[in-house]
Amino acid sequence: MTQDRRPPREADLSKVRTIPVATRPNKVRAEEFATAPGSDRSFAAFLRALPESLKAHDFRAIVDAVVSAARRKKGVIVMLGGHVVKTGIGPILVDLMQRGVITHLAMNGSAAIHDYEIARFGGTSEDVAAGLKDGTFGMAEETGRGLNEAFTQGIHHGWGMGESVARALEAAPSLAHSEHSIILAAHRQWIPVTVHAALGAEIIHQHPAADGAAIGDTSHRDFRRLASSCDDLHQGGVVLNLGSAVIMPEVFLKALTVARNIGAGRPIEFTTVDFDMQRHYRPRMNVVQRPVLAGGTGYEITGHHELLIPLLGWAVAEALDAG
């Protein structure tokens, strides 16, 4: 029986049809390649030298969207996670606010805590593992009391959480680095600054001075302020999610829903961007994809905050200065 076995069939390649390479559409062209360093070593030259492909192409499109929004006075909402503040990119965001680019600064509670500690004490980010062993993790007296008392003041005066933190910093007898505080910078530039708390997820919620009513009232006021700012995105605005994997994507989706519900479908036709070190479900769905289904474009750039965000800030500044 094995002697009668026939070999498997083979395709006859002599019958294959070919096409001229000149008629084939190409995804990659030599004109789109990167340029090696030349005599011009400026940052503008570096940007021009990037290849016109994949994420380099997206990065240029993001810069163009931000610059266009700034020039047309459209909304540019920047949302932050705590790690972004810890990596020292505050001065980049302060510069963008001073240039009139950022129109709303939103952040999770972690980002606000790190910003507060940098402004007041000049340092932040404790050793979690060491503090967890003896129960001292997150128990800094001045941080917990200062922020919780700020929220208590906020609920009495009708302030949002971000505004409450800014006013507390302004009233402090001394600040180590006020120039690095993005919360203070936003407040002084009359830019809405909102903080979106997650009860039990932030170190100040375990402090004896914590008041759940004050936390909830001031943070919910900030949610309403963010929802109002979403309307400024209509026809050309930009949303930048910088390093928040859960809280800000979730909050933004609900704020956008409120804006569209009240505004009969607005806002549409805007740009969304997620910058983070790794890809997560919520930023992809709630920032990059779902919000622009009605119109607009979403991008995601993966990489370290301390590299990507300064690149973005410098690129936007370069374009604005060039006119």
Protein backbone atom coordinates (compact mmCIF):
# COMPACT_ATOMS: atom_id res chain seq x y z
CA MET A 1 0.00 0.00 0.00
CA THR A 2 2.84 2.39 0.77
CA GLN A 3 4.30 1.69 -2.72
CA ASP A 4 1.17 3.24 -4.37
CA ARG A 5 1.29 6.43 -2.25
CA ARG A 6 1.48 9.56 -4.37
CA PRO A 7 3.42 12.69 -3.33
CA PRO A 8 1.37 15.73 -2.19
CA ARG A 9 0.27 18.14 -4.87
CA GLU A 10 2.40 21.20 -5.58
CA ALA A 11 1.42 24.56 -7.04
CA ASP A 12 2.78 25.21 -10.54
CA LEU A 13 4.68 28.50 -10.06
CA SER A 14 5.16 28.79 -13.83
CA LYS A 15 1.49 29.84 -13.98
CA VAL A 16 1.89 32.69 -11.44
CA ARG A 17 0.96 36.17 -12.75
CA THR A 18 3.33 39.00 -11.86
CA ILE A 19 2.92 42.79 -12.10
CA PRO A 20 5.40 45.60 -12.87
CA VAL A 21 6.84 47.09 -9.68
CA ALA A 22 6.00 50.54 -11.07
CA THR A 23 2.28 49.76 -10.81
CA ARG A 24 2.45 48.49 -7.22
CA PRO A 25 1.38 50.90 -4.44
CA ASN A 26 4.14 51.21 -1.82
CA LYS A 27 3.67 51.93 1.87
CA VAL A 28 7.29 53.05 2.24
CA ARG A 29 9.08 55.59 0.05
CA ALA A 30 12.71 56.69 0.20
CA GLU A 31 11.63 60.33 0.48
CA GLU A 32 10.05 59.51 3.84
CA PHE A 33 13.25 58.25 5.47
CA ALA A 34 14.94 59.93 8.42
CA THR A 35 17.77 62.39 7.88
CA ALA A 36 21.16 62.02 9.54
CA PRO A 37 22.51 64.96 11.59
CA GLY A 38 23.86 67.75 9.42
CA SER A 39 25.28 71.20 10.05
CA ASP A 40 21.99 72.39 11.54
CA ARG A 41 21.70 70.73 14.97
CA SER A 42 18.72 72.75 16.19
CA PHE A 43 15.60 71.16 17.66
CA ALA A 44 13.63 72.25 14.60
CA ALA A 45 16.13 70.40 12.41
CA PHE A 46 15.75 67.31 14.59
CA LEU A 47 11.98 67.36 14.13
CA ARG A 48 12.34 67.75 10.37
CA ALA A 49 14.77 64.81 10.36
CA LEU A 50 12.26 62.35 11.77
CA PRO A 51 10.99 59.77 9.29
CA GLU A 52 7.52 60.24 7.86
CA SER A 53 6.29 56.86 9.06
CA LEU A 54 4.34 55.15 11.83
CA LYS A 55 4.54 56.93 15.20
CA ALA A 56 6.83 59.68 13.92
CA HIS A 57 4.06 60.57 11.48
CA ASP A 58 1.49 60.43 14.30
CA PHE A 59 3.68 62.61 16.52
CA ARG A 60 3.79 65.31 13.85
CA ALA A 61 0.02 65.10 13.46
CA ILE A 62 -0.45 65.47 17.22
CA VAL A 63 1.81 68.53 17.33
CA ASP A 64 -0.09 70.06 14.40
CA ALA A 65 -3.41 69.40 16.15
CA VAL A 66 -2.27 71.05 19.39
CA VAL A 67 -0.78 74.04 17.60
CA SER A 68 -3.88 74.46 15.46
CA ALA A 69 -6.12 74.31 18.53
CA ALA A 70 -4.01 76.92 20.31
CA ARG A 71 -4.06 79.30 17.35
CA ARG A 72 -7.80 78.87 16.82
CA LYS A 73 -8.53 79.25 20.56
CA LYS A 74 -9.99 75.75 20.80
CA GLY A 75 -9.95 73.66 23.95
CA VAL A 76 -6.81 71.72 24.87
CA ILE A 77 -7.58 69.53 27.87
CA VAL A 78 -4.56 67.89 29.51
CA MET A 79 -5.23 64.98 31.88
CA LEU A 80 -2.54 63.60 34.17
CA GLY A 81 -1.62 60.58 36.22
CA GLY A 82 0.64 60.84 39.25
CA HIS A 83 3.72 59.30 37.63
CA VAL A 84 3.85 62.14 35.13
CA VAL A 85 4.34 64.68 37.93
CA LYS A 86 6.96 62.49 39.62
CA THR A 87 9.04 62.31 36.44
CA GLY A 88 9.57 66.06 36.55
CA ILE A 89 7.67 67.31 33.51
CA GLY A 90 5.85 70.04 35.48
CA PRO A 91 7.93 72.85 33.92
CA ILE A 92 6.92 71.68 30.44
CA LEU A 93 3.23 71.93 31.32
CA VAL A 94 3.72 75.27 33.06
CA ASP A 95 5.28 76.63 29.86
CA LEU A 96 2.38 75.37 27.74
CA MET A 97 -0.07 77.06 30.10
CA GLN A 98 1.85 80.33 29.95
CA ARG A 99 1.78 80.12 26.16
CA GLY A 100 -2.00 79.83 26.24
CA VAL A 101 -2.02 76.27 24.86
CA ILE A 102 -3.64 74.36 27.74
CA THR A 103 -7.19 75.46 28.48
CA HIS A 104 -8.05 72.91 31.18
CA LEU A 105 -5.75 70.91 33.47
CA ALA A 106 -7.30 67.77 34.98
CA MET A 107 -5.61 65.13 37.12
CA ASN A 108 -6.18 62.23 39.46
CA GLY A 109 -5.64 62.58 43.20
CA SER A 110 -2.16 61.12 43.05
CA ALA A 111 -0.95 63.82 40.68
CA ALA A 112 -2.35 66.54 42.94
CA ILE A 113 -0.61 65.08 45.99
CA HIS A 114 2.76 64.90 44.25
CA ASP A 115 2.38 68.44 42.92
CA TYR A 116 1.44 69.74 46.37
CA GLU A 117 4.46 68.08 48.00
CA ILE A 118 6.87 69.36 45.34
CA ALA A 119 5.56 72.90 45.76
CA ARG A 120 5.55 72.88 49.57
CA PHE A 121 8.45 70.65 50.50
CA GLY A 122 10.56 70.25 47.37
CA GLY A 123 10.29 66.44 47.30
CA THR A 124 7.78 63.64 46.90
CA SER A 125 7.38 59.88 46.28
CA GLU A 126 8.14 57.84 49.38
CA ASP A 127 9.42 54.27 49.68
CA VAL A 128 6.13 52.38 49.71
CA ALA A 129 7.56 48.99 50.62
CA ALA A 130 9.49 50.34 53.59
CA GLY A 131 6.56 52.33 54.93
CA LEU A 132 4.13 49.47 54.46
CA LYS A 133 6.13 47.25 56.83
CA ASP A 134 5.56 49.46 59.87
CA GLY A 135 2.33 51.16 58.83
CA THR A 136 3.84 54.58 58.10
CA PHE A 137 3.24 54.55 54.35
CA GLY A 138 1.29 57.64 53.34
CA MET A 139 1.14 58.98 56.90
CA ALA A 140 2.95 62.29 56.36
CA GLU A 141 1.19 64.68 58.74
CA GLU A 142 1.70 67.92 56.81
CA THR A 143 0.56 66.50 53.46
CA GLY A 144 -2.58 64.84 54.81
CA ARG A 145 -3.63 67.72 57.03
CA GLY A 146 -2.81 70.45 54.55
CA LEU A 147 -4.78 68.91 51.69
CA ASN A 148 -7.75 67.74 53.77
CA GLU A 149 -8.09 71.13 55.40
CA ALA A 150 -7.98 72.65 51.91
CA PHE A 151 -10.94 70.49 50.90
CA THR A 152 -12.83 71.51 54.03
CA GLN A 153 -12.29 75.15 53.10
CA GLY A 154 -13.40 74.30 49.59
CA ILE A 155 -16.75 72.84 50.57
CA HIS A 156 -17.53 75.95 52.64
CA HIS A 157 -16.59 78.38 49.87
CA GLY A 158 -17.92 76.48 46.87
CA TRP A 159 -14.49 75.74 45.40
CA GLY A 160 -13.51 72.71 43.40
CA MET A 161 -10.78 70.37 44.64
CA GLY A 162 -8.13 71.75 42.30
CA GLU A 163 -9.00 75.33 43.21
CA SER A 164 -8.91 74.41 46.90
CA VAL A 165 -5.38 73.00 46.57
CA ALA A 166 -4.23 76.07 44.63
CA ARG A 167 -5.62 78.45 47.22
CA ALA A 168 -4.02 76.44 50.04
CA LEU A 169 -0.65 76.67 48.32
CA GLU A 170 -1.05 80.41 47.80
CA ALA A 171 -1.86 80.84 51.49
CA ALA A 172 1.08 78.75 52.69
CA PRO A 173 3.68 80.78 54.63
CA SER A 174 6.47 79.44 52.44
CA LEU A 175 6.84 77.19 49.42
CA ALA A 176 9.96 75.28 48.41
CA HIS A 177 9.26 75.32 44.66
CA SER A 178 6.14 77.23 43.72
CA GLU A 179 7.50 77.63 40.19
CA HIS A 180 7.16 73.88 39.57
CA SER A 181 3.54 73.59 40.67
CA ILE A 182 1.23 72.94 37.75
CA ILE A 183 -1.79 73.49 40.02
CA LEU A 184 -0.57 76.94 41.03
CA ALA A 185 0.37 77.80 37.45
CA ALA A 186 -3.10 76.91 36.18
CA HIS A 187 -4.80 78.88 38.96
CA ARG A 188 -2.66 81.96 38.31
CA GLN A 189 -3.34 81.75 34.57
CA TRP A 190 -7.11 81.50 35.20
CA ILE A 191 -7.09 78.02 33.70
CA PRO A 192 -9.58 75.54 35.23
CA VAL A 193 -7.63 72.99 37.27
CA THR A 194 -9.60 69.98 38.43
CA VAL A 195 -8.76 67.00 40.64
CA HIS A 196 -10.74 63.78 40.36
CA ALA A 197 -10.48 61.75 43.54
CA ALA A 198 -10.89 58.00 44.01
CA LEU A 199 -11.97 57.50 47.62
CA GLY A 200 -9.64 55.17 49.46
CA ALA A 201 -7.05 55.13 46.69
CA GLU A 202 -5.01 58.14 47.87
CA ILE A 203 -2.80 58.46 50.92
CA ILE A 204 -4.60 61.53 52.25
CA HIS A 205 -7.82 59.55 52.67
CA GLN A 206 -6.26 57.60 55.55
CA HIS A 207 -5.38 60.76 57.47
CA PRO A 208 -7.30 61.68 60.66
CA ALA A 209 -8.31 65.00 59.05
CA ALA A 210 -9.99 63.32 56.04
CA ASP A 211 -13.58 64.42 55.50
CA GLY A 212 -15.46 62.29 52.98
CA ALA A 213 -18.11 64.96 52.44
CA ALA A 214 -15.48 67.60 51.61
CA ILE A 215 -13.61 65.24 49.31
CA GLY A 216 -16.77 64.24 47.50
CA ASP A 217 -18.21 67.75 47.18
CA THR A 218 -15.06 69.42 45.86
CA SER A 219 -14.18 66.59 43.49
CA HIS A 220 -17.72 66.36 42.14
CA ARG A 221 -17.67 70.12 41.51
CA ASP A 222 -14.50 69.53 39.50
CA PHE A 223 -16.27 66.84 37.49
CA ARG A 224 -18.92 69.38 36.54
CA ARG A 225 -16.22 71.86 35.58
CA LEU A 226 -14.50 69.30 33.36
CA ALA A 227 -17.79 68.46 31.68
CA SER A 228 -18.28 72.14 30.93
CA SER A 229 -14.78 72.45 29.46
CA CYS A 230 -15.44 69.51 27.13
CA ASP A 231 -17.70 71.77 25.08
CA ASP A 232 -14.60 73.80 24.10
CA LEU A 233 -13.30 70.76 22.20
CA HIS A 234 -15.92 71.14 19.47
CA GLN A 235 -14.48 71.37 15.94
CA GLY A 236 -10.75 71.34 16.52
CA GLY A 237 -9.93 70.81 20.19
CA VAL A 238 -7.46 68.31 21.65
CA VAL A 239 -7.49 65.97 24.65
CA LEU A 240 -4.12 64.74 25.91
CA ASN A 241 -4.17 61.90 28.41
CA LEU A 242 -0.72 61.75 29.96
CA GLY A 243 -0.12 58.64 32.01
CA SER A 244 -3.51 57.98 33.58
CA ALA A 245 -4.48 54.36 32.99
CA VAL A 246 -7.85 54.27 34.77
CA ILE A 247 -9.19 57.34 36.59
CA MET A 248 -8.94 60.08 33.96
CA PRO A 249 -10.10 57.93 31.01
CA GLU A 250 -13.16 56.91 33.02
CA VAL A 251 -13.88 60.44 34.23
CA PHE A 252 -13.38 61.92 30.77
CA LEU A 253 -15.83 59.52 29.14
CA LYS A 254 -18.56 60.53 31.59
CA ALA A 255 -17.74 64.24 31.33
CA LEU A 256 -17.90 64.03 27.54
CA THR A 257 -21.25 62.26 27.80
CA VAL A 258 -22.62 65.08 29.95
CA ALA A 259 -21.34 67.70 27.48
CA ARG A 260 -22.99 65.94 24.56
CA ASN A 261 -26.19 65.34 26.49
CA ILE A 262 -26.57 69.00 27.44
CA GLY A 263 -25.22 70.32 24.16
CA ALA A 264 -27.35 68.20 21.83
CA GLY A 265 -24.45 66.24 20.41
CA ARG A 266 -21.53 68.59 20.96
CA PRO A 267 -18.55 68.31 21.04
CA ILE A 268 -17.38 66.44 17.94
CA GLU A 269 -14.50 66.55 15.46
CA PHE A 270 -11.61 66.82 17.89
CA THR A 271 -8.33 64.98 18.48
CA THR A 272 -7.58 62.62 21.35
CA VAL A 273 -4.15 61.32 22.36
CA ASP A 274 -2.93 58.84 24.95
CA PHE A 275 0.72 59.00 26.02
CA ASP A 276 1.77 56.17 28.31
CA MET A 277 4.53 53.64 28.96
CA GLN A 278 2.33 50.68 28.07
CA ARG A 279 -1.02 50.10 26.47
CA HIS A 280 -4.12 49.80 28.64
CA TYR A 281 -7.72 48.99 27.83
CA ARG A 282 -9.38 52.11 29.27
CA PRO A 283 -7.20 54.78 27.65
CA ARG A 284 -7.48 53.03 24.29
CA MET A 285 -11.27 52.70 24.47
CA ASN A 286 -12.24 55.76 26.52
CA VAL A 287 -9.76 58.27 25.09
CA VAL A 288 -8.43 57.08 21.74
CA GLN A 289 -11.39 55.25 20.19
CA ARG A 290 -14.87 55.83 21.60
CA PRO A 291 -14.86 59.65 21.95
CA VAL A 292 -14.02 60.22 18.27
CA LEU A 293 -16.44 57.71 16.73
CA ALA A 294 -18.77 60.64 16.05
CA GLY A 295 -15.94 62.56 14.38
CA GLY A 296 -12.26 63.17 14.97
CA THR A 297 -9.01 61.24 15.28
CA GLY A 298 -7.42 59.31 18.12
CA TYR A 299 -3.72 58.55 18.58
CA GLU A 300 -1.67 56.56 21.05
CA ILE A 301 2.06 57.00 21.60
CA THR A 302 3.88 54.50 23.79
CA GLY A 303 7.02 55.46 25.69
CA HIS A 304 8.43 56.96 28.85
CA HIS A 305 6.78 60.14 30.09
CA GLU A 306 10.11 61.81 30.85
CA LEU A 307 11.06 61.53 27.16
CA LEU A 308 7.81 61.87 25.25
CA ILE A 309 6.18 64.79 27.03
CA PRO A 310 9.21 67.11 26.83
CA LEU A 311 9.45 66.22 23.12
CA LEU A 312 5.83 67.20 22.68
CA GLY A 313 6.18 70.42 24.67
CA TRP A 314 9.29 71.49 22.80
CA ALA A 315 7.77 70.64 19.44
CA VAL A 316 4.63 72.67 20.16
CA ALA A 317 6.70 75.61 21.40
CA GLU A 318 8.92 75.43 18.30
CA ALA A 319 5.92 75.50 15.98
CA LEU A 320 4.25 78.39 17.82
CA ASP A 321 7.45 80.44 17.88
CA ALA A 322 7.99 79.84 14.19
CA GLY A 323 4.59 81.34 13.47
